[in-house]
Amino acid sequence: MGYEKDVESVEAVIKALYETISGPAGPKDWDRERHFLHPTARMMLGLPSGAPAGDPPTPGLRIFDVEQFIAAVSPGLSADDFYEVETGREEFRFGRWAFVFSAYASFRSLDKPPFARGVNGIQLWHDAGRWWVMNVIWDWEQGETRIPDRFRSRDGR
C-alpha cells in the first residue's frame, strides 16, 4: 500500500493527517487518509452557535464518519488551495492511547497570513503494531476563544 510509515508513530500519523488535506487545489490521496483513520473513526467539527448540526442533529457539533468526511471536504479541497500546518502540540499517553492537542493555522497560500487558526483534539490507539486515528474534534479561534500563546511557536504567524 505504501502508507506503512504514516502509522509507525504518533508523530508520523499527525504529519500525515495534515499533509493529506494540504496542498494546491485538486484531488487528494484519500486512500492515505483511510489508511491512518480507523474504519470507525469520527471527525467532529465544532459549529458556530445556532448553526445547523447535520444529520443526526447534534447541537453545536457536526459528526462525520470517514467517508462522510471525505465527501464533505473533497469539493472545497479540489476547488481551492488549502494548507494547514501544525503550530504547537501537547500530548498525553497512557497504555495504548495517545491524546494529542494539535494547534493549527490554515492558509490559502503559504506566503500570506492564515485565514483561520484552531485546535485539533486527536485520539489515537496503538494496535497490531501500528497507530490508528480514532477521533478528531476541532474548533476554530473565534470571539473570546483564542489559541494559547504556547501553541503559536511554529509557523502560524
C-alpha atoms as a PDB file:
ATOM      1  CA  MET A   1       0.000   0.000   0.000  1.00  0.00           C
ATOM      2  CA  GLY A   2       2.902   2.356   0.676  1.00  0.00           C
ATOM      3  CA  TYR A   3       1.496   4.145   3.741  1.00  0.00           C
ATOM      4  CA  GLU A   4       3.063   1.992   6.470  1.00  0.00           C
ATOM      5  CA  LYS A   5       5.440   4.752   7.618  1.00  0.00           C
ATOM      6  CA  ASP A   6       2.415   7.009   8.307  1.00  0.00           C
ATOM      7  CA  VAL A   7       1.292   4.756  11.168  1.00  0.00           C
ATOM      8  CA  GLU A   8       4.643   3.886  12.808  1.00  0.00           C
ATOM      9  CA  SER A   9       4.498   6.686  15.397  1.00  0.00           C
ATOM     10  CA  VAL A  10       2.190   9.356  16.750  1.00  0.00           C
ATOM     11  CA  GLU A  11       4.395  11.975  15.093  1.00  0.00           C
ATOM     12  CA  ALA A  12       4.100  10.245  11.708  1.00  0.00           C
ATOM     13  CA  VAL A  13       0.304   9.999  11.944  1.00  0.00           C
ATOM     14  CA  ILE A  14      -0.090  13.684  12.862  1.00  0.00           C
ATOM     15  CA  LYS A  15       2.221  14.664   9.990  1.00  0.00           C
ATOM     16  CA  ALA A  16       0.170  12.521   7.567  1.00  0.00           C
ATOM     17  CA  LEU A  17      -3.092  13.970   8.913  1.00  0.00           C
ATOM     18  CA  TYR A  18      -2.006  17.491   7.923  1.00  0.00           C
ATOM     19  CA  GLU A  19      -0.264  16.515   4.687  1.00  0.00           C
ATOM     20  CA  THR A  20      -3.269  14.626   3.325  1.00  0.00           C
ATOM     21  CA  ILE A  21      -5.573  17.654   3.325  1.00  0.00           C
ATOM     22  CA  SER A  22      -2.913  20.240   2.427  1.00  0.00           C
ATOM     23  CA  GLY A  23      -1.790  21.337  -0.986  1.00  0.00           C
ATOM     24  CA  PRO A  24      -2.823  23.043  -4.176  1.00  0.00           C
ATOM     25  CA  ALA A  25      -6.374  22.671  -5.449  1.00  0.00           C
ATOM     26  CA  GLY A  26      -7.038  19.253  -6.878  1.00  0.00           C
ATOM     27  CA  PRO A  27      -7.693  15.679  -5.816  1.00  0.00           C
ATOM     28  CA  LYS A  28      -6.236  14.404  -2.544  1.00  0.00           C
ATOM     29  CA  ASP A  29      -4.899  10.965  -1.645  1.00  0.00           C
ATOM     30  CA  TRP A  30      -7.960   9.736   0.245  1.00  0.00           C
ATOM     31  CA  ASP A  31      -6.587   6.176   0.362  1.00  0.00           C
ATOM     32  CA  ARG A  32      -3.775   7.558   2.516  1.00  0.00           C
ATOM     33  CA  GLU A  33      -6.370   9.141   4.827  1.00  0.00           C
ATOM     34  CA  ARG A  34      -8.310   5.881   5.010  1.00  0.00           C
ATOM     35  CA  HIS A  35      -5.099   4.060   5.971  1.00  0.00           C
ATOM     36  CA  PHE A  36      -4.486   6.020   9.185  1.00  0.00           C
ATOM     37  CA  LEU A  37      -8.129   6.622  10.163  1.00  0.00           C
ATOM     38  CA  HIS A  38      -9.669   3.646  11.943  1.00  0.00           C
ATOM     39  CA  PRO A  39     -12.730   2.379   9.990  1.00  0.00           C
ATOM     40  CA  THR A  40     -14.951   3.509  12.890  1.00  0.00           C
ATOM     41  CA  ALA A  41     -13.181   6.887  13.337  1.00  0.00           C
ATOM     42  CA  ARG A  42     -15.208  10.046  13.781  1.00  0.00           C
ATOM     43  CA  MET A  43     -14.304  13.537  12.621  1.00  0.00           C
ATOM     44  CA  MET A  44     -16.138  16.141  14.717  1.00  0.00           C
ATOM     45  CA  LEU A  45     -16.395  19.817  13.870  1.00  0.00           C
ATOM     46  CA  GLY A  46     -17.453  22.452  16.388  1.00  0.00           C
ATOM     47  CA  LEU A  47     -20.105  24.725  14.832  1.00  0.00           C
ATOM     48  CA  PRO A  48     -20.877  28.365  15.491  1.00  0.00           C
ATOM     49  CA  SER A  49     -23.753  28.797  17.911  1.00  0.00           C
ATOM     50  CA  GLY A  50     -27.077  28.348  16.109  1.00  0.00           C
ATOM     51  CA  ALA A  51     -25.588  26.670  13.001  1.00  0.00           C
ATOM     52  CA  PRO A  52     -27.360  23.601  11.568  1.00  0.00           C
ATOM     53  CA  ALA A  53     -25.912  20.495  13.146  1.00  0.00           C
ATOM     54  CA  GLY A  54     -26.332  17.891  10.423  1.00  0.00           C
ATOM     55  CA  ASP A  55     -27.971  14.509  10.429  1.00  0.00           C
ATOM     56  CA  PRO A  56     -28.491  13.230  13.030  1.00  0.00           C
ATOM     57  CA  PRO A  57     -28.690  16.599  14.743  1.00  0.00           C
ATOM     58  CA  THR A  58     -26.035  17.103  17.387  1.00  0.00           C
ATOM     59  CA  PRO A  59     -26.282  20.639  18.814  1.00  0.00           C
ATOM     60  CA  GLY A  60     -23.068  22.571  18.272  1.00  0.00           C
ATOM     61  CA  LEU A  61     -21.248  19.697  16.610  1.00  0.00           C
ATOM     62  CA  ARG A  62     -21.103  18.145  13.147  1.00  0.00           C
ATOM     63  CA  ILE A  63     -20.037  14.488  13.238  1.00  0.00           C
ATOM     64  CA  PHE A  64     -18.703  12.597  10.215  1.00  0.00           C
ATOM     65  CA  ASP A  65     -17.612   9.022   9.682  1.00  0.00           C
ATOM     66  CA  VAL A  66     -14.586   8.557   7.411  1.00  0.00           C
ATOM     67  CA  GLU A  67     -16.488   8.509   4.114  1.00  0.00           C
ATOM     68  CA  GLN A  68     -18.806  11.374   5.110  1.00  0.00           C
ATOM     69  CA  PHE A  69     -15.772  13.493   5.993  1.00  0.00           C
ATOM     70  CA  ILE A  70     -14.100  12.790   2.655  1.00  0.00           C
ATOM     71  CA  ALA A  71     -17.324  13.597   0.787  1.00  0.00           C
ATOM     72  CA  ALA A  72     -17.800  16.826   2.759  1.00  0.00           C
ATOM     73  CA  VAL A  73     -14.295  18.247   2.264  1.00  0.00           C
ATOM     74  CA  SER A  74     -13.410  16.938  -1.220  1.00  0.00           C
ATOM     75  CA  PRO A  75     -15.231  19.638  -3.224  1.00  0.00           C
ATOM     76  CA  GLY A  76     -13.554  22.516  -1.370  1.00  0.00           C
ATOM     77  CA  LEU A  77     -10.101  20.944  -1.405  1.00  0.00           C
ATOM     78  CA  SER A  78     -10.458  20.170  -5.119  1.00  0.00           C
ATOM     79  CA  ALA A  79     -11.506  23.734  -5.936  1.00  0.00           C
ATOM     80  CA  ASP A  80      -9.205  25.808  -3.704  1.00  0.00           C
ATOM     81  CA  ASP A  81      -5.624  25.759  -2.494  1.00  0.00           C
ATOM     82  CA  PHE A  82      -5.591  24.839   1.187  1.00  0.00           C
ATOM     83  CA  TYR A  83      -2.667  24.407   3.531  1.00  0.00           C
ATOM     84  CA  GLU A  84      -2.845  23.540   7.195  1.00  0.00           C
ATOM     85  CA  VAL A  85       0.246  23.468   9.393  1.00  0.00           C
ATOM     86  CA  GLU A  86       0.676  22.405  12.979  1.00  0.00           C
ATOM     87  CA  THR A  87       1.776  25.331  15.141  1.00  0.00           C
ATOM     88  CA  GLY A  88       2.033  23.615  18.520  1.00  0.00           C
ATOM     89  CA  ARG A  89       1.279  20.361  20.291  1.00  0.00           C
ATOM     90  CA  GLU A  90       0.661  18.853  23.689  1.00  0.00           C
ATOM     91  CA  GLU A  91       0.482  15.107  24.093  1.00  0.00           C
ATOM     92  CA  PHE A  92      -0.585  12.661  26.781  1.00  0.00           C
ATOM     93  CA  ARG A  93      -0.046   8.921  26.523  1.00  0.00           C
ATOM     94  CA  PHE A  94      -1.394   6.122  28.637  1.00  0.00           C
ATOM     95  CA  GLY A  95      -1.006   2.493  27.666  1.00  0.00           C
ATOM     96  CA  ARG A  96      -2.023   2.152  24.024  1.00  0.00           C
ATOM     97  CA  TRP A  97      -3.802   5.539  23.907  1.00  0.00           C
ATOM     98  CA  ALA A  98      -2.371   8.871  22.848  1.00  0.00           C
ATOM     99  CA  PHE A  99      -4.293  12.113  23.244  1.00  0.00           C
ATOM    100  CA  VAL A 100      -2.875  14.964  21.156  1.00  0.00           C
ATOM    101  CA  PHE A 101      -3.897  18.603  21.256  1.00  0.00           C
ATOM    102  CA  SER A 102      -2.595  19.975  17.961  1.00  0.00           C
ATOM    103  CA  ALA A 103      -2.927  23.676  17.206  1.00  0.00           C
ATOM    104  CA  TYR A 104      -3.011  24.651  13.550  1.00  0.00           C
ATOM    105  CA  ALA A 105      -3.066  27.561  11.139  1.00  0.00           C
ATOM    106  CA  SER A 106      -4.933  27.368   7.809  1.00  0.00           C
ATOM    107  CA  PHE A 107      -3.737  29.156   4.676  1.00  0.00           C
ATOM    108  CA  ARG A 108      -4.884  29.627   1.085  1.00  0.00           C
ATOM    109  CA  SER A 109      -1.291  30.488   0.198  1.00  0.00           C
ATOM    110  CA  LEU A 110       1.784  29.894   2.348  1.00  0.00           C
ATOM    111  CA  ASP A 111       3.104  33.380   1.546  1.00  0.00           C
ATOM    112  CA  LYS A 112       0.037  35.062   3.094  1.00  0.00           C
ATOM    113  CA  PRO A 113      -1.257  35.217   6.681  1.00  0.00           C
ATOM    114  CA  PRO A 114      -3.507  32.392   7.862  1.00  0.00           C
ATOM    115  CA  PHE A 115      -7.256  32.825   7.410  1.00  0.00           C
ATOM    116  CA  ALA A 116      -8.031  30.572  10.394  1.00  0.00           C
ATOM    117  CA  ARG A 117      -6.453  29.029  13.464  1.00  0.00           C
ATOM    118  CA  GLY A 118      -7.726  26.323  15.753  1.00  0.00           C
ATOM    119  CA  VAL A 119      -7.014  23.244  17.791  1.00  0.00           C
ATOM    120  CA  ASN A 120      -7.497  19.592  16.844  1.00  0.00           C
ATOM    121  CA  GLY A 121      -8.122  17.137  19.658  1.00  0.00           C
ATOM    122  CA  ILE A 122      -6.868  13.809  18.283  1.00  0.00           C
ATOM    123  CA  GLN A 123      -7.339  10.419  19.922  1.00  0.00           C
ATOM    124  CA  LEU A 124      -5.058   7.648  18.728  1.00  0.00           C
ATOM    125  CA  TRP A 125      -4.962   3.938  19.527  1.00  0.00           C
ATOM    126  CA  HIS A 126      -1.980   1.605  19.116  1.00  0.00           C
ATOM    127  CA  ASP A 127      -2.940  -1.886  17.995  1.00  0.00           C
ATOM    128  CA  ALA A 128      -1.377  -4.619  15.845  1.00  0.00           C
ATOM    129  CA  GLY A 129       1.938  -2.762  15.646  1.00  0.00           C
ATOM    130  CA  ARG A 130       0.516   0.496  14.289  1.00  0.00           C
ATOM    131  CA  TRP A 131      -1.288   3.699  15.292  1.00  0.00           C
ATOM    132  CA  TRP A 132      -4.897   4.442  14.358  1.00  0.00           C
ATOM    133  CA  VAL A 133      -6.652   7.809  14.486  1.00  0.00           C
ATOM    134  CA  MET A 134      -9.879   7.078  16.341  1.00  0.00           C
ATOM    135  CA  ASN A 135     -11.359  10.584  16.623  1.00  0.00           C
ATOM    136  CA  VAL A 136     -10.559  14.147  15.685  1.00  0.00           C
ATOM    137  CA  ILE A 137     -12.546  17.009  17.166  1.00  0.00           C
ATOM    138  CA  TRP A 138     -11.690  20.548  16.162  1.00  0.00           C
ATOM    139  CA  ASP A 139     -12.727  24.104  16.694  1.00  0.00           C
ATOM    140  CA  TRP A 140     -11.506  27.492  15.493  1.00  0.00           C
ATOM    141  CA  GLU A 141     -10.411  30.666  17.160  1.00  0.00           C
ATOM    142  CA  GLN A 142     -13.403  32.969  17.334  1.00  0.00           C
ATOM    143  CA  GLY A 143     -14.541  35.774  19.570  1.00  0.00           C
ATOM    144  CA  GLU A 144     -13.104  35.273  23.054  1.00  0.00           C
ATOM    145  CA  THR A 145     -11.770  31.807  22.191  1.00  0.00           C
ATOM    146  CA  ARG A 146      -8.083  32.308  21.384  1.00  0.00           C
ATOM    147  CA  ILE A 147      -5.288  29.792  20.951  1.00  0.00           C
ATOM    148  CA  PRO A 148      -2.849  29.935  23.878  1.00  0.00           C
ATOM    149  CA  ASP A 149       0.498  31.547  23.036  1.00  0.00           C
ATOM    150  CA  ARG A 150       2.382  28.286  23.713  1.00  0.00           C
ATOM    151  CA  PHE A 151       0.675  26.827  20.603  1.00  0.00           C
ATOM    152  CA  ARG A 152       1.871  29.625  18.305  1.00  0.00           C
ATOM    153  CA  SER A 153       5.535  28.635  18.482  1.00  0.00           C
ATOM    154  CA  ARG A 154       5.802  27.374  14.902  1.00  0.00           C
ATOM    155  CA  ASP A 155       4.944  28.977  11.587  1.00  0.00           C
ATOM    156  CA  GLY A 156       1.418  30.100  12.468  1.00  0.00           C
ATOM    157  CA  ARG A 157       2.351  33.787  12.127  1.00  0.00           C
END
